[in-house]
Amino acid sequence: ENKNSAATSEDGGKKRVSECRRCGTCCRKGGPAFHRADKALIEKGVIHSKYLYTIRKGELVYDNVRQCLEPVSSDVIKLKGKGKSWTCILFDEEQNACTIYDNRPIQCRALKCWDTKAIEDLYAQKRLQREDLIADIEGLWGLIKDHQARCNYETIQKLVDAINSDRGEDARQKLAEIIQFDIEIRKLVVSRGGLDVEMLDFLFGRPLKQTLKNFGLKI
């Protein structure tokens, strides 16, 4: 039997997939989120930090399980897509294969397109945090904590809610200051700290000019 073919079983006259046939569909729908069990993959350089981005606590994102926009309850560190696509950055499209298959993250190991229970159970369990990876880098971690405090999404949500109230002008001004701080700290760590610009979405999350669209704001 062709090893790339899926094992199937009869189900009401239809064939039901019961084994991965490595079609690559899941890899083209986005990279995995990381859990503490994946920490060594990043620390040992199997997966470079520049390939990661952080969805920060409180950020509104589309929840594939609940199928709606939801604020995340903690940091979610994910693999980037290729360019503007969702395709996982570590997926080789020509070979239709994962470039780190033997060292793939735990979510990739748990995902079964024909039975999603395992990945649903894993989904929010023991997520890897930025603090788990870079808290020992004192100066950098201090900047990240300051950014998180000043650009936290709980405050942003309150300002968004206030925009159409009698406090609207003040809310808009405070929100503009937060957005400007988010822009400037990214410039600072590149120009003075010499950090790779590709690391910014991991260290500080995605830019507010991008993420605030999910809050109904046009920047």
N, C-alpha and C. Protein backbone atom coordinates (compact mmCIF):
# COMPACT_ATOMS: atom_id res chain seq x y z
N GLU A 1 0.84 -1.20 0.00
CA GLU A 1 0.00 0.00 0.00
C GLU A 1 0.88 1.25 0.00
N ASN A 2 0.51 2.26 -0.76
CA ASN A 2 1.23 3.51 -0.79
C ASN A 2 1.25 4.13 0.59
N LYS A 3 2.43 4.42 1.13
CA LYS A 3 2.52 4.93 2.50
C LYS A 3 1.93 6.32 2.64
N ASN A 4 1.76 7.05 1.55
CA ASN A 4 1.17 8.38 1.62
C ASN A 4 -0.34 8.36 1.52
N SER A 5 -0.91 7.16 1.34
CA SER A 5 -2.36 7.06 1.27
C SER A 5 -2.93 6.97 2.66
N ALA A 6 -4.14 7.49 2.84
CA ALA A 6 -4.78 7.40 4.15
C ALA A 6 -5.44 6.05 4.31
N ALA A 7 -5.37 5.53 5.53
CA ALA A 7 -6.16 4.35 5.83
C ALA A 7 -7.61 4.80 5.94
N THR A 8 -8.53 4.02 5.41
CA THR A 8 -9.93 4.41 5.42
C THR A 8 -10.79 3.28 5.93
N SER A 9 -11.99 3.66 6.34
CA SER A 9 -12.98 2.66 6.75
C SER A 9 -14.31 3.05 6.17
N GLU A 10 -15.18 2.08 6.01
CA GLU A 10 -16.50 2.38 5.45
C GLU A 10 -17.39 2.98 6.52
N ASP A 11 -18.11 4.03 6.16
CA ASP A 11 -19.01 4.71 7.11
C ASP A 11 -20.23 5.16 6.35
N GLY A 12 -21.28 4.32 6.39
CA GLY A 12 -22.51 4.65 5.68
C GLY A 12 -22.31 4.74 4.19
N GLY A 13 -21.45 3.90 3.67
CA GLY A 13 -21.22 3.92 2.22
C GLY A 13 -20.15 4.89 1.79
N LYS A 14 -19.62 5.68 2.75
CA LYS A 14 -18.58 6.65 2.41
C LYS A 14 -17.28 6.23 3.08
N LYS A 15 -16.18 6.52 2.45
CA LYS A 15 -14.89 6.22 3.04
C LYS A 15 -14.51 7.33 4.02
N ARG A 16 -14.12 6.92 5.22
CA ARG A 16 -13.74 7.87 6.26
C ARG A 16 -12.25 7.74 6.55
N VAL A 17 -11.54 8.87 6.49
CA VAL A 17 -10.11 8.88 6.75
C VAL A 17 -9.84 8.54 8.21
N SER A 18 -8.86 7.70 8.46
CA SER A 18 -8.52 7.35 9.84
C SER A 18 -7.01 7.37 10.09
N GLU A 19 -6.27 7.94 9.13
CA GLU A 19 -4.82 8.04 9.29
C GLU A 19 -4.32 9.18 8.42
N CYS A 20 -3.30 9.89 8.89
CA CYS A 20 -2.76 11.02 8.13
C CYS A 20 -2.17 10.55 6.80
N ARG A 21 -2.56 11.24 5.73
CA ARG A 21 -1.98 10.93 4.42
C ARG A 21 -1.00 12.01 3.98
N ARG A 22 -0.66 12.90 4.92
CA ARG A 22 0.36 13.94 4.70
C ARG A 22 0.06 14.77 3.45
N CYS A 23 -1.19 15.24 3.37
CA CYS A 23 -1.60 16.07 2.24
C CYS A 23 -1.12 17.51 2.38
N GLY A 24 -0.77 17.92 3.62
CA GLY A 24 -0.26 19.28 3.85
C GLY A 24 -1.33 20.32 4.09
N THR A 25 -2.60 19.93 4.08
CA THR A 25 -3.68 20.91 4.25
C THR A 25 -3.58 21.64 5.58
N CYS A 26 -3.33 20.92 6.66
CA CYS A 26 -3.26 21.56 7.98
C CYS A 26 -2.10 22.56 8.04
N CYS A 27 -0.97 22.24 7.38
CA CYS A 27 0.20 23.12 7.38
C CYS A 27 -0.07 24.39 6.59
N ARG A 28 -0.96 24.31 5.61
CA ARG A 28 -1.30 25.49 4.81
C ARG A 28 -2.34 26.37 5.50
N LYS A 29 -2.93 25.88 6.57
CA LYS A 29 -3.96 26.66 7.29
C LYS A 29 -3.38 27.42 8.47
N GLY A 30 -2.06 27.34 8.65
CA GLY A 30 -1.42 28.10 9.72
C GLY A 30 -0.53 27.24 10.58
N GLY A 31 0.46 27.89 11.21
CA GLY A 31 1.39 27.17 12.07
C GLY A 31 0.79 26.91 13.44
N PRO A 32 1.41 26.02 14.21
CA PRO A 32 0.89 25.66 15.53
C PRO A 32 1.18 26.72 16.58
N ALA A 33 0.46 26.64 17.71
CA ALA A 33 0.82 27.39 18.91
C ALA A 33 1.73 26.49 19.74
N PHE A 34 2.53 27.12 20.60
CA PHE A 34 3.52 26.37 21.37
C PHE A 34 3.10 26.14 22.81
N HIS A 35 3.53 25.00 23.34
CA HIS A 35 3.28 24.63 24.73
C HIS A 35 4.62 24.44 25.42
N ARG A 36 4.59 24.34 26.75
CA ARG A 36 5.84 24.21 27.50
C ARG A 36 6.66 23.01 27.04
N ALA A 37 5.98 21.99 26.57
CA ALA A 37 6.70 20.80 26.09
C ALA A 37 7.56 21.12 24.87
N ASP A 38 7.30 22.25 24.21
CA ASP A 38 8.05 22.64 23.01
C ASP A 38 9.23 23.56 23.31
N LYS A 39 9.40 23.91 24.57
CA LYS A 39 10.42 24.91 24.94
C LYS A 39 11.80 24.57 24.40
N ALA A 40 12.18 23.30 24.51
CA ALA A 40 13.53 22.90 24.07
C ALA A 40 13.74 23.09 22.58
N LEU A 41 12.67 22.99 21.78
CA LEU A 41 12.80 23.18 20.34
C LEU A 41 13.31 24.58 20.02
N ILE A 42 12.89 25.55 20.81
CA ILE A 42 13.30 26.93 20.59
C ILE A 42 14.65 27.19 21.24
N GLU A 43 14.84 26.70 22.45
CA GLU A 43 16.11 26.93 23.15
C GLU A 43 17.28 26.28 22.43
N LYS A 44 17.07 25.14 21.79
CA LYS A 44 18.14 24.45 21.08
C LYS A 44 18.30 24.91 19.64
N GLY A 45 17.45 25.85 19.20
CA GLY A 45 17.58 26.40 17.87
C GLY A 45 16.97 25.57 16.76
N VAL A 46 16.21 24.53 17.11
CA VAL A 46 15.50 23.76 16.08
C VAL A 46 14.51 24.69 15.38
N ILE A 47 13.88 25.56 16.18
CA ILE A 47 12.98 26.59 15.64
C ILE A 47 13.53 27.94 16.10
N HIS A 48 13.90 28.79 15.15
CA HIS A 48 14.48 30.09 15.47
C HIS A 48 13.40 31.06 15.94
N SER A 49 13.76 31.91 16.90
CA SER A 49 12.79 32.87 17.46
C SER A 49 12.24 33.84 16.42
N LYS A 50 13.00 34.09 15.35
CA LYS A 50 12.52 35.02 14.33
C LYS A 50 11.35 34.45 13.54
N TYR A 51 11.11 33.14 13.67
CA TYR A 51 9.98 32.51 13.00
C TYR A 51 8.71 32.54 13.86
N LEU A 52 8.79 33.15 15.03
CA LEU A 52 7.67 33.15 15.96
C LEU A 52 6.98 34.50 16.00
N TYR A 53 5.73 34.50 16.42
CA TYR A 53 5.06 35.74 16.79
C TYR A 53 4.18 35.46 18.00
N THR A 54 3.91 36.52 18.76
CA THR A 54 3.14 36.39 19.99
C THR A 54 1.78 37.04 19.84
N ILE A 55 0.75 36.30 20.18
CA ILE A 55 -0.58 36.87 20.38
C ILE A 55 -0.65 37.20 21.86
N ARG A 56 -0.70 38.48 22.21
CA ARG A 56 -0.61 38.88 23.61
C ARG A 56 -1.93 38.68 24.36
N LYS A 57 -1.82 38.51 25.67
CA LYS A 57 -2.98 38.34 26.52
C LYS A 57 -4.01 39.44 26.26
N GLY A 58 -5.26 39.06 26.04
CA GLY A 58 -6.33 40.02 25.81
C GLY A 58 -6.56 40.37 24.36
N GLU A 59 -5.64 39.98 23.48
CA GLU A 59 -5.80 40.29 22.05
C GLU A 59 -6.98 39.51 21.47
N LEU A 60 -7.75 40.17 20.64
CA LEU A 60 -8.89 39.51 20.00
C LEU A 60 -8.41 38.72 18.78
N VAL A 61 -8.69 37.44 18.78
CA VAL A 61 -8.31 36.58 17.65
C VAL A 61 -9.46 35.63 17.34
N TYR A 62 -9.42 35.08 16.14
CA TYR A 62 -10.45 34.11 15.76
C TYR A 62 -10.13 32.76 16.39
N ASP A 63 -11.06 32.27 17.17
CA ASP A 63 -10.92 30.99 17.84
C ASP A 63 -11.48 29.90 16.93
N ASN A 64 -10.59 29.04 16.43
CA ASN A 64 -11.02 27.99 15.50
C ASN A 64 -11.93 26.97 16.14
N VAL A 65 -11.79 26.78 17.45
CA VAL A 65 -12.64 25.81 18.14
C VAL A 65 -14.03 26.39 18.35
N ARG A 66 -14.10 27.64 18.84
CA ARG A 66 -15.40 28.28 19.12
C ARG A 66 -15.96 29.01 17.90
N GLN A 67 -15.11 29.24 16.89
CA GLN A 67 -15.49 29.88 15.64
C GLN A 67 -16.05 31.29 15.84
N CYS A 68 -15.31 32.08 16.60
CA CYS A 68 -15.68 33.49 16.81
C CYS A 68 -14.45 34.24 17.33
N LEU A 69 -14.53 35.58 17.35
CA LEU A 69 -13.45 36.38 17.91
C LEU A 69 -13.51 36.30 19.43
N GLU A 70 -12.37 36.00 20.05
CA GLU A 70 -12.28 35.88 21.51
C GLU A 70 -10.97 36.50 21.99
N PRO A 71 -10.98 37.14 23.17
CA PRO A 71 -9.70 37.58 23.75
C PRO A 71 -8.95 36.37 24.30
N VAL A 72 -7.67 36.26 24.03
CA VAL A 72 -6.91 35.13 24.55
C VAL A 72 -6.59 35.38 26.02
N SER A 73 -6.55 34.30 26.79
CA SER A 73 -6.39 34.41 28.24
C SER A 73 -4.94 34.52 28.68
N SER A 74 -4.01 34.25 27.77
CA SER A 74 -2.59 34.33 28.08
C SER A 74 -1.84 34.50 26.76
N ASP A 75 -0.54 34.72 26.85
CA ASP A 75 0.27 34.74 25.63
C ASP A 75 0.04 33.47 24.83
N VAL A 76 -0.02 33.61 23.52
CA VAL A 76 -0.02 32.46 22.61
C VAL A 76 1.12 32.70 21.63
N ILE A 77 2.12 31.83 21.68
CA ILE A 77 3.26 31.94 20.77
C ILE A 77 3.04 30.98 19.61
N LYS A 78 3.10 31.51 18.39
CA LYS A 78 2.80 30.72 17.20
C LYS A 78 3.92 30.85 16.17
N LEU A 79 3.91 29.91 15.23
CA LEU A 79 4.80 30.00 14.07
C LEU A 79 4.20 30.94 13.03
N LYS A 80 5.05 31.74 12.41
CA LYS A 80 4.61 32.66 11.38
C LYS A 80 4.19 31.91 10.12
N GLY A 81 3.44 32.62 9.27
CA GLY A 81 3.13 32.10 7.96
C GLY A 81 4.16 32.60 6.95
N LYS A 82 4.09 32.09 5.74
CA LYS A 82 4.99 32.52 4.68
C LYS A 82 4.43 33.76 4.00
N GLY A 83 5.19 34.85 4.08
CA GLY A 83 4.72 36.08 3.45
C GLY A 83 3.38 36.50 4.02
N LYS A 84 2.40 36.72 3.15
CA LYS A 84 1.07 37.11 3.59
C LYS A 84 0.11 35.93 3.67
N SER A 85 0.64 34.74 3.45
CA SER A 85 -0.21 33.55 3.48
C SER A 85 -0.24 32.96 4.88
N TRP A 86 -1.16 32.00 5.10
CA TRP A 86 -1.26 31.28 6.36
C TRP A 86 -0.30 30.10 6.41
N THR A 87 0.25 29.70 5.28
CA THR A 87 1.09 28.49 5.23
C THR A 87 2.25 28.58 6.22
N CYS A 88 2.40 27.56 7.05
CA CYS A 88 3.46 27.52 8.06
C CYS A 88 4.82 27.78 7.42
N ILE A 89 5.60 28.63 8.05
CA ILE A 89 6.90 29.03 7.51
C ILE A 89 7.88 27.87 7.41
N LEU A 90 7.63 26.78 8.14
CA LEU A 90 8.53 25.62 8.11
C LEU A 90 8.02 24.51 7.19
N PHE A 91 7.00 24.82 6.39
CA PHE A 91 6.45 23.84 5.46
C PHE A 91 7.10 23.99 4.09
N ASP A 92 7.63 22.90 3.56
CA ASP A 92 8.24 22.88 2.23
C ASP A 92 7.14 22.54 1.23
N GLU A 93 6.69 23.56 0.49
CA GLU A 93 5.56 23.35 -0.42
C GLU A 93 5.94 22.50 -1.63
N GLU A 94 7.18 22.58 -2.08
CA GLU A 94 7.60 21.77 -3.23
C GLU A 94 7.61 20.29 -2.88
N GLN A 95 8.11 19.98 -1.69
CA GLN A 95 8.17 18.58 -1.25
C GLN A 95 6.89 18.16 -0.52
N ASN A 96 6.02 19.12 -0.27
CA ASN A 96 4.78 18.86 0.47
C ASN A 96 5.09 18.17 1.81
N ALA A 97 6.04 18.76 2.54
CA ALA A 97 6.50 18.12 3.78
C ALA A 97 6.98 19.17 4.78
N CYS A 98 6.90 18.81 6.05
CA CYS A 98 7.41 19.64 7.13
C CYS A 98 8.94 19.51 7.17
N THR A 99 9.62 20.63 7.29
CA THR A 99 11.09 20.60 7.28
C THR A 99 11.67 20.17 8.62
N ILE A 100 10.84 20.10 9.67
CA ILE A 100 11.33 19.62 10.98
C ILE A 100 10.40 18.51 11.48
N TYR A 101 9.95 17.67 10.58
CA TYR A 101 8.91 16.69 10.91
C TYR A 101 9.24 15.86 12.16
N ASP A 102 10.46 15.40 12.30
CA ASP A 102 10.83 14.56 13.45
C ASP A 102 10.89 15.36 14.75
N ASN A 103 10.95 16.68 14.63
CA ASN A 103 11.01 17.54 15.82
C ASN A 103 9.83 18.52 15.85
N ARG A 104 8.72 18.13 15.24
CA ARG A 104 7.58 19.04 15.15
C ARG A 104 6.96 19.29 16.54
N PRO A 105 6.34 20.46 16.72
CA PRO A 105 5.72 20.81 18.01
C PRO A 105 4.59 19.86 18.40
N ILE A 106 4.23 19.90 19.67
CA ILE A 106 3.26 18.97 20.22
C ILE A 106 1.89 19.10 19.57
N GLN A 107 1.48 20.32 19.19
CA GLN A 107 0.19 20.48 18.53
C GLN A 107 0.15 19.76 17.19
N CYS A 108 1.26 19.82 16.47
CA CYS A 108 1.33 19.13 15.17
C CYS A 108 1.23 17.62 15.36
N ARG A 109 1.82 17.13 16.45
CA ARG A 109 1.75 15.70 16.73
C ARG A 109 0.34 15.28 17.13
N ALA A 110 -0.37 16.19 17.82
CA ALA A 110 -1.70 15.85 18.32
C ALA A 110 -2.79 15.99 17.25
N LEU A 111 -2.55 16.81 16.23
CA LEU A 111 -3.59 17.09 15.25
C LEU A 111 -3.92 15.89 14.38
N LYS A 112 -5.19 15.55 14.38
CA LYS A 112 -5.72 14.53 13.47
C LYS A 112 -6.94 15.15 12.81
N CYS A 113 -6.88 15.36 11.50
CA CYS A 113 -7.96 16.08 10.84
C CYS A 113 -9.28 15.31 10.90
N TRP A 114 -9.20 14.00 11.11
CA TRP A 114 -10.42 13.19 11.16
C TRP A 114 -10.98 13.06 12.58
N ASP A 115 -10.20 13.52 13.58
CA ASP A 115 -10.64 13.45 14.97
C ASP A 115 -9.90 14.53 15.75
N THR A 116 -10.55 15.66 16.00
CA THR A 116 -9.88 16.82 16.58
C THR A 116 -9.91 16.84 18.11
N LYS A 117 -10.40 15.79 18.74
CA LYS A 117 -10.53 15.79 20.20
C LYS A 117 -9.19 16.02 20.90
N ALA A 118 -8.14 15.36 20.45
CA ALA A 118 -6.84 15.47 21.10
C ALA A 118 -6.32 16.90 21.10
N ILE A 119 -6.43 17.57 19.95
CA ILE A 119 -5.92 18.94 19.89
C ILE A 119 -6.85 19.91 20.61
N GLU A 120 -8.13 19.64 20.66
CA GLU A 120 -9.05 20.48 21.43
C GLU A 120 -8.75 20.36 22.92
N ASP A 121 -8.42 19.16 23.38
CA ASP A 121 -8.07 18.97 24.79
C ASP A 121 -6.76 19.67 25.13
N LEU A 122 -5.84 19.71 24.18
CA LEU A 122 -4.53 20.31 24.39
C LEU A 122 -4.55 21.83 24.25
N TYR A 123 -5.49 22.33 23.48
CA TYR A 123 -5.54 23.69 22.95
C TYR A 123 -5.03 24.77 23.92
N ALA A 124 -5.58 24.88 25.11
CA ALA A 124 -5.22 25.95 26.04
C ALA A 124 -4.39 25.46 27.22
N GLN A 125 -3.88 24.25 27.15
CA GLN A 125 -3.16 23.66 28.27
C GLN A 125 -1.66 23.99 28.23
N LYS A 126 -1.14 24.48 29.35
CA LYS A 126 0.31 24.70 29.53
C LYS A 126 0.94 25.40 28.33
N ARG A 127 0.35 26.53 27.97
CA ARG A 127 0.89 27.30 26.86
C ARG A 127 2.26 27.87 27.21
N LEU A 128 3.14 27.91 26.24
CA LEU A 128 4.45 28.51 26.41
C LEU A 128 4.29 30.03 26.43
N GLN A 129 4.97 30.70 27.36
CA GLN A 129 4.90 32.14 27.50
C GLN A 129 6.24 32.77 27.09
N ARG A 130 6.22 34.04 26.75
CA ARG A 130 7.47 34.74 26.47
C ARG A 130 8.39 34.70 27.69
N GLU A 131 7.79 34.82 28.86
CA GLU A 131 8.57 34.81 30.10
C GLU A 131 9.36 33.51 30.26
N ASP A 132 8.79 32.40 29.79
CA ASP A 132 9.48 31.11 29.88
C ASP A 132 10.77 31.10 29.08
N LEU A 133 10.85 31.95 28.07
CA LEU A 133 11.98 31.92 27.14
C LEU A 133 12.99 33.04 27.35
N ILE A 134 12.54 34.21 27.80
CA ILE A 134 13.45 35.36 27.81
C ILE A 134 13.47 36.14 29.12
N ALA A 135 12.87 35.62 30.18
CA ALA A 135 12.85 36.35 31.46
C ALA A 135 14.25 36.57 32.02
N ASP A 136 15.21 35.71 31.65
CA ASP A 136 16.58 35.84 32.16
C ASP A 136 17.38 36.93 31.44
N ILE A 137 16.85 37.44 30.34
CA ILE A 137 17.53 38.53 29.62
C ILE A 137 17.02 39.83 30.24
N GLU A 138 17.69 40.27 31.29
CA GLU A 138 17.15 41.30 32.19
C GLU A 138 16.72 42.59 31.49
N GLY A 139 17.60 43.21 30.75
CA GLY A 139 17.25 44.48 30.12
C GLY A 139 16.12 44.35 29.13
N LEU A 140 16.16 43.32 28.31
CA LEU A 140 15.13 43.09 27.30
C LEU A 140 13.79 42.75 27.95
N TRP A 141 13.83 41.89 28.95
CA TRP A 141 12.58 41.50 29.61
C TRP A 141 11.92 42.69 30.30
N GLY A 142 12.72 43.61 30.82
CA GLY A 142 12.17 44.82 31.43
C GLY A 142 11.41 45.66 30.41
N LEU A 143 11.94 45.78 29.19
CA LEU A 143 11.26 46.52 28.13
C LEU A 143 9.95 45.85 27.74
N ILE A 144 9.98 44.52 27.68
CA ILE A 144 8.77 43.78 27.30
C ILE A 144 7.69 43.95 28.36
N LYS A 145 8.07 43.89 29.63
CA LYS A 145 7.09 44.08 30.71
C LYS A 145 6.51 45.49 30.70
N ASP A 146 7.36 46.47 30.41
CA ASP A 146 6.89 47.85 30.32
C ASP A 146 5.91 48.01 29.16
N HIS A 147 6.25 47.42 28.03
CA HIS A 147 5.36 47.47 26.87
C HIS A 147 4.03 46.80 27.19
N GLN A 148 4.07 45.64 27.84
CA GLN A 148 2.84 44.93 28.18
C GLN A 148 1.96 45.75 29.12
N ALA A 149 2.59 46.43 30.07
CA ALA A 149 1.83 47.24 31.03
C ALA A 149 1.18 48.45 30.35
N ARG A 150 1.90 49.08 29.44
CA ARG A 150 1.40 50.31 28.82
C ARG A 150 0.51 50.04 27.61
N CYS A 151 0.66 48.87 27.02
CA CYS A 151 -0.11 48.55 25.81
C CYS A 151 -1.01 47.34 26.04
N ASN A 152 -1.45 47.14 27.28
CA ASN A 152 -2.26 45.96 27.55
C ASN A 152 -3.65 46.10 26.96
N TYR A 153 -4.20 44.98 26.53
CA TYR A 153 -5.46 44.99 25.79
C TYR A 153 -6.68 45.25 26.68
N GLU A 154 -6.55 45.04 27.96
CA GLU A 154 -7.67 45.37 28.86
C GLU A 154 -7.91 46.88 28.85
N THR A 155 -6.81 47.64 28.95
CA THR A 155 -6.91 49.10 28.88
C THR A 155 -7.41 49.54 27.51
N ILE A 156 -6.88 48.92 26.47
CA ILE A 156 -7.29 49.27 25.11
C ILE A 156 -8.78 49.03 24.91
N GLN A 157 -9.29 47.91 25.41
CA GLN A 157 -10.72 47.61 25.26
C GLN A 157 -11.57 48.67 25.95
N LYS A 158 -11.15 49.12 27.13
CA LYS A 158 -11.90 50.17 27.84
C LYS A 158 -11.90 51.48 27.06
N LEU A 159 -10.76 51.79 26.44
CA LEU A 159 -10.69 53.02 25.64
C LEU A 159 -11.54 52.91 24.38
N VAL A 160 -11.53 51.75 23.77
CA VAL A 160 -12.37 51.52 22.59
C VAL A 160 -13.85 51.69 22.96
N ASP A 161 -14.24 51.13 24.09
CA ASP A 161 -15.62 51.24 24.54
C ASP A 161 -16.02 52.68 24.83
N ALA A 162 -15.02 53.51 25.23
CA ALA A 162 -15.31 54.89 25.62
C ALA A 162 -15.31 55.86 24.44
N ILE A 163 -14.84 55.43 23.29
CA ILE A 163 -14.69 56.34 22.16
C ILE A 163 -16.01 57.00 21.76
N ASN A 164 -17.10 56.25 21.81
CA ASN A 164 -18.39 56.81 21.40
C ASN A 164 -19.19 57.39 22.56
N SER A 165 -18.52 57.60 23.70
CA SER A 165 -19.18 58.20 24.85
C SER A 165 -18.80 59.67 24.95
N ASP A 166 -19.23 60.32 26.04
CA ASP A 166 -18.87 61.72 26.21
C ASP A 166 -17.39 61.90 26.56
N ARG A 167 -16.71 60.79 26.77
CA ARG A 167 -15.26 60.83 27.02
C ARG A 167 -14.48 60.44 25.77
N GLY A 168 -15.14 60.49 24.62
CA GLY A 168 -14.56 59.99 23.39
C GLY A 168 -13.25 60.64 22.99
N GLU A 169 -13.16 61.96 23.09
CA GLU A 169 -11.95 62.65 22.66
C GLU A 169 -10.76 62.27 23.53
N ASP A 170 -10.99 62.21 24.83
CA ASP A 170 -9.92 61.81 25.75
C ASP A 170 -9.48 60.37 25.49
N ALA A 171 -10.45 59.50 25.21
CA ALA A 171 -10.14 58.09 24.93
C ALA A 171 -9.32 57.97 23.65
N ARG A 172 -9.69 58.75 22.63
CA ARG A 172 -8.94 58.71 21.37
C ARG A 172 -7.50 59.18 21.56
N GLN A 173 -7.33 60.23 22.37
CA GLN A 173 -5.99 60.74 22.63
C GLN A 173 -5.13 59.72 23.36
N LYS A 174 -5.69 59.08 24.38
CA LYS A 174 -4.93 58.07 25.13
C LYS A 174 -4.60 56.86 24.26
N LEU A 175 -5.53 56.49 23.39
CA LEU A 175 -5.30 55.36 22.50
C LEU A 175 -4.20 55.70 21.50
N ALA A 176 -4.20 56.93 21.01
CA ALA A 176 -3.16 57.36 20.08
C ALA A 176 -1.78 57.32 20.73
N GLU A 177 -1.72 57.69 22.01
CA GLU A 177 -0.44 57.66 22.74
C GLU A 177 0.05 56.22 22.91
N ILE A 178 -0.86 55.30 23.16
CA ILE A 178 -0.49 53.89 23.30
C ILE A 178 0.04 53.35 21.97
N ILE A 179 -0.63 53.68 20.89
CA ILE A 179 -0.20 53.22 19.56
C ILE A 179 1.19 53.78 19.24
N GLN A 180 1.40 55.07 19.57
CA GLN A 180 2.70 55.68 19.29
C GLN A 180 3.81 55.03 20.11
N PHE A 181 3.51 54.72 21.37
CA PHE A 181 4.51 54.04 22.20
C PHE A 181 4.86 52.68 21.61
N ASP A 182 3.86 51.95 21.14
CA ASP A 182 4.09 50.64 20.52
C ASP A 182 5.01 50.76 19.31
N ILE A 183 4.83 51.82 18.53
CA ILE A 183 5.67 52.06 17.35
C ILE A 183 7.10 52.39 17.77
N GLU A 184 7.23 53.29 18.74
CA GLU A 184 8.55 53.80 19.11
C GLU A 184 9.42 52.76 19.81
N ILE A 185 8.83 51.91 20.65
CA ILE A 185 9.67 50.93 21.36
C ILE A 185 10.23 49.91 20.38
N ARG A 186 9.50 49.62 19.32
CA ARG A 186 10.01 48.70 18.29
C ARG A 186 11.19 49.33 17.55
N LYS A 187 11.07 50.61 17.25
CA LYS A 187 12.17 51.31 16.60
C LYS A 187 13.40 51.35 17.52
N LEU A 188 13.16 51.56 18.80
CA LEU A 188 14.25 51.70 19.78
C LEU A 188 15.10 50.45 19.88
N VAL A 189 14.46 49.29 20.00
CA VAL A 189 15.24 48.06 20.21
C VAL A 189 16.00 47.65 18.94
N VAL A 190 15.54 48.13 17.80
CA VAL A 190 16.27 47.84 16.55
C VAL A 190 17.43 48.82 16.39
N SER A 191 17.17 50.12 16.57
CA SER A 191 18.20 51.12 16.33
C SER A 191 19.27 51.15 17.41
N ARG A 192 18.87 50.99 18.68
CA ARG A 192 19.85 51.08 19.77
C ARG A 192 20.26 49.70 20.30
N GLY A 193 19.36 48.76 20.21
CA GLY A 193 19.67 47.43 20.74
C GLY A 193 20.22 46.48 19.70
N GLY A 194 20.09 46.85 18.43
CA GLY A 194 20.63 46.01 17.36
C GLY A 194 19.87 44.72 17.14
N LEU A 195 18.63 44.65 17.60
CA LEU A 195 17.85 43.43 17.42
C LEU A 195 17.35 43.30 15.99
N ASP A 196 17.22 42.06 15.55
CA ASP A 196 16.69 41.76 14.23
C ASP A 196 15.23 42.18 14.18
N VAL A 197 14.86 42.95 13.16
CA VAL A 197 13.48 43.41 13.04
C VAL A 197 12.50 42.25 12.97
N GLU A 198 12.97 41.08 12.50
CA GLU A 198 12.10 39.92 12.41
C GLU A 198 11.74 39.34 13.78
N MET A 199 12.43 39.79 14.82
CA MET A 199 12.15 39.31 16.18
C MET A 199 11.03 40.09 16.86
N LEU A 200 10.65 41.23 16.31
CA LEU A 200 9.75 42.15 17.01
C LEU A 200 8.38 41.56 17.29
N ASP A 201 7.82 40.81 16.34
CA ASP A 201 6.49 40.26 16.54
C ASP A 201 6.46 39.18 17.62
N PHE A 202 7.61 38.58 17.88
CA PHE A 202 7.72 37.63 18.98
C PHE A 202 7.88 38.38 20.31
N LEU A 203 8.76 39.37 20.35
CA LEU A 203 9.06 40.06 21.60
C LEU A 203 7.91 40.93 22.09
N PHE A 204 7.27 41.67 21.18
CA PHE A 204 6.25 42.64 21.57
C PHE A 204 4.85 42.32 21.02
N GLY A 205 4.71 41.17 20.40
CA GLY A 205 3.44 40.87 19.77
C GLY A 205 3.30 41.63 18.45
N ARG A 206 2.22 41.39 17.78
CA ARG A 206 2.01 42.07 16.50
C ARG A 206 1.71 43.55 16.73
N PRO A 207 2.08 44.44 15.80
CA PRO A 207 1.85 45.88 15.99
C PRO A 207 0.38 46.21 16.23
N LEU A 208 0.14 47.18 17.10
CA LEU A 208 -1.24 47.58 17.39
C LEU A 208 -1.95 48.11 16.15
N LYS A 209 -1.21 48.73 15.25
CA LYS A 209 -1.83 49.22 14.02
C LYS A 209 -2.46 48.08 13.23
N GLN A 210 -1.97 46.88 13.46
CA GLN A 210 -2.51 45.71 12.79
C GLN A 210 -3.62 45.05 13.63
N THR A 211 -3.37 44.86 14.92
CA THR A 211 -4.30 44.08 15.74
C THR A 211 -5.57 44.83 16.13
N LEU A 212 -5.52 46.15 16.14
CA LEU A 212 -6.70 46.90 16.57
C LEU A 212 -7.84 46.85 15.56
N LYS A 213 -7.57 46.33 14.38
CA LYS A 213 -8.64 46.15 13.39
C LYS A 213 -9.72 45.22 13.94
N ASN A 214 -9.30 44.23 14.75
CA ASN A 214 -10.27 43.28 15.31
C ASN A 214 -11.13 43.91 16.39
N PHE A 215 -10.73 45.11 16.86
CA PHE A 215 -11.53 45.84 17.83
C PHE A 215 -12.48 46.83 17.14
N GLY A 216 -12.51 46.75 15.82
CA GLY A 216 -13.40 47.61 15.05
C GLY A 216 -12.84 49.00 14.80
N LEU A 217 -11.52 49.16 14.96
CA LEU A 217 -10.91 50.46 14.77
C LEU A 217 -10.18 50.53 13.44
N LYS A 218 -10.28 51.66 12.81
CA LYS A 218 -9.53 51.94 11.59
C LYS A 218 -8.45 52.94 11.95
N ILE A 219 -7.20 52.50 11.87
CA ILE A 219 -6.09 53.36 12.31
C ILE A 219 -5.64 54.24 11.15
